[in-house]
N, C-alpha and C. Protein backbone atom coordinates (compact mmCIF):
# COMPACT_ATOMS: atom_id res chain seq x y z
N MET A 1 90.85 64.66 56.09
CA MET A 1 90.03 65.60 56.29
C MET A 1 88.95 65.14 57.38
N LEU A 2 88.33 65.76 58.38
CA LEU A 2 87.48 65.37 59.23
C LEU A 2 86.23 65.67 58.48
N ALA A 3 85.23 64.60 58.75
CA ALA A 3 83.83 64.80 58.68
C ALA A 3 83.17 66.01 59.43
N VAL A 4 82.74 67.06 58.82
CA VAL A 4 82.14 67.97 59.63
C VAL A 4 80.75 68.35 59.16
N ASP A 5 79.91 68.63 60.05
CA ASP A 5 78.50 68.90 59.87
C ASP A 5 78.24 70.15 58.75
N CYS A 6 77.84 70.07 57.67
CA CYS A 6 77.85 70.94 56.52
C CYS A 6 76.46 72.19 56.63
N SER A 7 76.00 71.91 57.47
CA SER A 7 74.80 72.88 57.81
C SER A 7 75.08 74.14 58.24
N ILE A 8 74.41 75.37 57.56
CA ILE A 8 75.03 76.56 57.75
C ILE A 8 74.37 77.05 59.06
N PRO A 9 75.22 77.71 59.70
CA PRO A 9 74.51 78.39 60.88
C PRO A 9 73.74 79.66 60.50
N SER A 10 73.00 79.82 61.58
CA SER A 10 72.21 80.84 61.17
C SER A 10 73.16 82.32 61.33
N LEU A 11 72.54 83.05 60.19
CA LEU A 11 73.20 84.47 60.09
C LEU A 11 72.53 85.62 60.73
N ASP A 12 73.41 86.14 61.50
CA ASP A 12 72.81 87.28 62.35
C ASP A 12 72.61 88.41 61.49
N PHE A 13 73.82 88.43 60.46
CA PHE A 13 73.74 89.87 59.82
C PHE A 13 74.27 89.42 58.39
N HIS A 14 74.25 90.68 57.68
CA HIS A 14 74.90 90.46 56.33
C HIS A 14 75.97 92.00 56.52
N GLU A 15 76.84 91.90 55.85
CA GLU A 15 77.92 92.66 55.93
C GLU A 15 77.09 94.25 55.33
N LYS A 16 76.61 94.05 54.42
CA LYS A 16 75.91 95.62 53.92
C LYS A 16 75.09 96.14 54.91
N ASP A 17 74.43 95.35 56.11
CA ASP A 17 73.66 96.04 57.10
C ASP A 17 74.67 96.72 58.14
N ILE A 18 76.08 96.55 58.24
CA ILE A 18 76.81 96.77 59.57
C ILE A 18 77.03 98.60 59.00
N ILE A 19 76.74 99.12 59.98
CA ILE A 19 77.04 100.66 59.86
C ILE A 19 78.12 101.21 60.85
N GLY A 20 78.95 101.91 60.20
CA GLY A 20 79.78 102.45 61.32
C GLY A 20 80.80 101.46 61.25
N GLY A 21 81.95 101.54 62.59
CA GLY A 21 82.89 100.71 62.46
C GLY A 21 82.79 99.27 63.42
N ASN A 22 81.67 98.80 63.46
CA ASN A 22 81.55 97.75 64.31
C ASN A 22 81.45 96.60 63.62
N LYS A 23 82.14 96.39 62.55
CA LYS A 23 82.21 95.33 61.30
C LYS A 23 82.67 94.54 62.19
N MET A 24 84.20 94.95 62.35
CA MET A 24 85.19 93.89 63.04
C MET A 24 84.57 93.17 64.25
N GLY A 25 83.88 93.87 65.29
CA GLY A 25 83.46 93.21 66.33
C GLY A 25 82.48 92.22 66.00
N ILE A 26 81.57 92.34 65.01
CA ILE A 26 80.45 91.25 64.54
C ILE A 26 80.92 90.19 63.99
N ILE A 27 82.31 90.55 62.92
CA ILE A 27 82.91 89.39 62.51
C ILE A 27 83.62 88.55 63.22
N ARG A 28 84.35 88.89 64.32
CA ARG A 28 84.70 88.33 65.43
C ARG A 28 83.72 87.49 66.24
N LYS A 29 82.66 88.10 66.50
CA LYS A 29 81.61 86.91 67.04
C LYS A 29 81.22 85.91 66.50
N GLU A 30 81.05 86.21 65.16
CA GLU A 30 80.46 85.41 64.32
C GLU A 30 81.45 83.97 64.12
N ALA A 31 82.76 84.62 63.78
CA ALA A 31 83.88 83.67 63.87
C ALA A 31 84.18 82.76 65.10
N LYS A 32 83.68 83.56 66.38
CA LYS A 32 83.75 82.49 67.52
C LYS A 32 82.66 81.61 67.41
N LYS A 33 81.48 81.70 67.11
CA LYS A 33 80.66 80.98 66.83
C LYS A 33 80.84 79.58 65.87
N LEU A 34 81.64 79.99 64.85
CA LEU A 34 81.91 78.96 63.85
C LEU A 34 83.00 77.96 64.70
N VAL A 35 83.90 78.52 65.32
CA VAL A 35 85.10 77.78 65.96
C VAL A 35 84.26 76.85 67.01
N ASP A 36 83.24 77.55 67.98
CA ASP A 36 82.56 76.65 69.00
C ASP A 36 81.92 75.56 68.45
N GLY A 37 81.19 75.75 67.20
CA GLY A 37 80.66 74.69 66.43
C GLY A 37 81.24 73.62 65.91
N LEU A 38 82.54 73.83 66.33
CA LEU A 38 83.63 72.38 65.53
C LEU A 38 83.67 71.73 66.55
N PRO A 39 83.76 70.18 66.02
CA PRO A 39 84.44 69.29 67.13
C PRO A 39 85.48 69.40 67.62
N ASP A 40 85.66 68.66 68.90
CA ASP A 40 87.04 68.94 69.33
C ASP A 40 88.22 68.40 68.47
N GLU A 41 88.09 67.36 67.46
CA GLU A 41 89.03 66.73 66.82
C GLU A 41 89.19 67.63 65.31
N ALA A 42 88.44 68.88 65.29
CA ALA A 42 88.87 69.76 64.07
C ALA A 42 89.85 70.11 63.68
N SER A 43 90.56 69.91 62.21
CA SER A 43 91.70 70.56 62.01
C SER A 43 91.77 72.17 61.37
N TRP A 44 92.74 72.65 61.17
CA TRP A 44 92.55 74.00 60.50
C TRP A 44 91.76 73.69 59.44
N ASP A 45 92.39 72.96 58.53
CA ASP A 45 91.52 72.79 57.34
C ASP A 45 89.89 73.01 57.56
N ASP A 46 89.53 72.18 58.29
CA ASP A 46 88.07 71.96 58.67
C ASP A 46 87.48 73.73 59.14
N LEU A 47 88.09 74.16 59.88
CA LEU A 47 87.81 75.78 60.07
C LEU A 47 88.00 76.45 59.00
N MET A 48 88.81 76.32 57.89
CA MET A 48 89.16 76.97 56.93
C MET A 48 87.98 77.04 56.28
N TYR A 49 87.53 75.62 56.06
CA TYR A 49 86.28 75.07 55.00
C TYR A 49 85.02 76.18 55.67
N GLU A 50 84.62 75.74 56.81
CA GLU A 50 83.83 76.44 57.62
C GLU A 50 83.81 78.13 57.55
N ILE A 51 84.76 78.70 57.23
CA ILE A 51 84.88 80.37 57.08
C ILE A 51 84.55 80.35 55.48
N TYR A 52 85.15 79.53 54.65
CA TYR A 52 84.93 79.84 53.27
C TYR A 52 83.50 79.66 52.92
N ILE A 53 82.76 78.70 53.65
CA ILE A 53 81.19 78.43 53.03
C ILE A 53 80.29 79.48 53.61
N ARG A 54 80.99 80.39 55.06
CA ARG A 54 80.38 81.20 55.89
C ARG A 54 80.21 82.38 54.83
N LYS A 55 81.46 82.61 54.18
CA LYS A 55 81.74 83.70 53.65
C LYS A 55 80.98 84.18 52.38
N ASN A 56 81.13 82.70 51.49
CA ASN A 56 80.37 82.59 50.33
C ASN A 56 78.99 82.79 50.56
N ASN A 57 78.47 82.20 51.43
CA ASN A 57 76.87 82.20 51.75
C ASN A 57 76.48 83.62 51.92
N ASP A 58 77.03 84.41 52.98
CA ASP A 58 76.89 85.59 53.16
C ASP A 58 76.95 86.35 51.94
N GLU A 59 77.93 86.40 50.76
CA GLU A 59 78.11 87.35 49.56
C GLU A 59 76.93 86.87 48.99
N GLY A 60 76.46 85.92 49.12
CA GLY A 60 75.23 85.23 47.91
C GLY A 60 74.07 85.56 48.70
N LEU A 61 73.60 85.68 49.92
CA LEU A 61 72.54 86.52 50.40
C LEU A 61 72.83 87.87 50.30
N THR A 62 73.71 88.80 50.11
CA THR A 62 73.78 89.96 49.78
C THR A 62 73.49 90.32 48.44
N ALA A 63 73.98 89.32 47.67
CA ALA A 63 73.85 89.51 46.15
C ALA A 63 72.04 89.30 45.95
N ALA A 64 71.55 88.38 46.66
CA ALA A 64 70.00 88.35 46.45
C ALA A 64 69.36 89.41 46.84
N ASP A 65 69.71 89.80 48.00
CA ASP A 65 69.10 91.16 48.61
C ASP A 65 69.33 92.41 47.57
N GLU A 66 70.25 92.28 47.13
CA GLU A 66 70.53 93.69 46.16
C GLU A 66 69.80 93.37 44.46
N GLY A 67 69.15 92.20 44.53
CA GLY A 67 68.66 91.83 43.37
C GLY A 67 69.58 91.20 41.93
N ARG A 68 70.71 90.95 42.45
CA ARG A 68 71.62 90.41 41.58
C ARG A 68 71.75 88.98 41.42
N LEU A 69 70.46 88.30 40.82
CA LEU A 69 70.10 87.15 40.45
C LEU A 69 70.15 86.81 38.99
N ILE A 70 70.06 85.63 38.56
CA ILE A 70 69.54 85.03 37.77
C ILE A 70 68.68 84.03 37.72
N SER A 71 67.90 83.83 36.79
CA SER A 71 66.95 82.88 36.72
C SER A 71 67.48 81.34 36.19
N HIS A 72 66.66 80.41 36.76
CA HIS A 72 67.13 79.11 36.40
C HIS A 72 67.50 78.58 34.92
N ASP A 73 66.39 79.51 34.05
CA ASP A 73 66.55 79.29 32.71
C ASP A 73 67.83 79.97 32.27
N GLU A 74 68.01 81.06 32.55
CA GLU A 74 69.40 81.68 32.26
C GLU A 74 70.59 80.62 32.58
N VAL A 75 70.67 80.42 33.67
CA VAL A 75 71.61 79.29 33.89
C VAL A 75 71.82 78.22 33.03
N LYS A 76 70.61 77.66 32.72
CA LYS A 76 70.71 76.49 31.78
C LYS A 76 71.17 76.92 30.32
N GLN A 77 70.81 78.07 29.94
CA GLN A 77 71.08 78.52 28.58
C GLN A 77 72.78 78.87 28.64
N ARG A 78 73.17 79.43 29.64
CA ARG A 78 74.45 79.66 29.77
C ARG A 78 75.47 78.42 29.61
N PHE A 79 74.95 77.61 30.31
CA PHE A 79 75.85 76.11 30.12
C PHE A 79 75.53 75.32 29.03
N LEU A 80 74.71 75.40 28.54
CA LEU A 80 74.01 74.96 27.10
C LEU A 80 74.89 75.85 25.70
N LYS A 81 75.41 76.63 26.20
CA LYS A 81 76.54 77.62 25.11
C LYS A 81 77.53 77.13 25.29
N LYS A 82 78.23 76.32 26.22
CA LYS A 82 79.55 75.97 26.34
C LYS A 82 79.74 74.68 25.62
């Protein structure tokens, strides 16, 4: 797999912020930005990775905006229990 810059592109929206039926247009615009940011020799796997990272990053930011977070101490406690 080609080494790809793993920096996260700027997010222009969160899915929860989209009102009405324009979600698909915005997603297509954001997907085009991801494709345009790939090097010429990028593979399908590189593109899929970028989409995966973008989707998970957006879900995490939405969760944070909604207050669905846990503290660092809580994470440590959960891992120590295993």
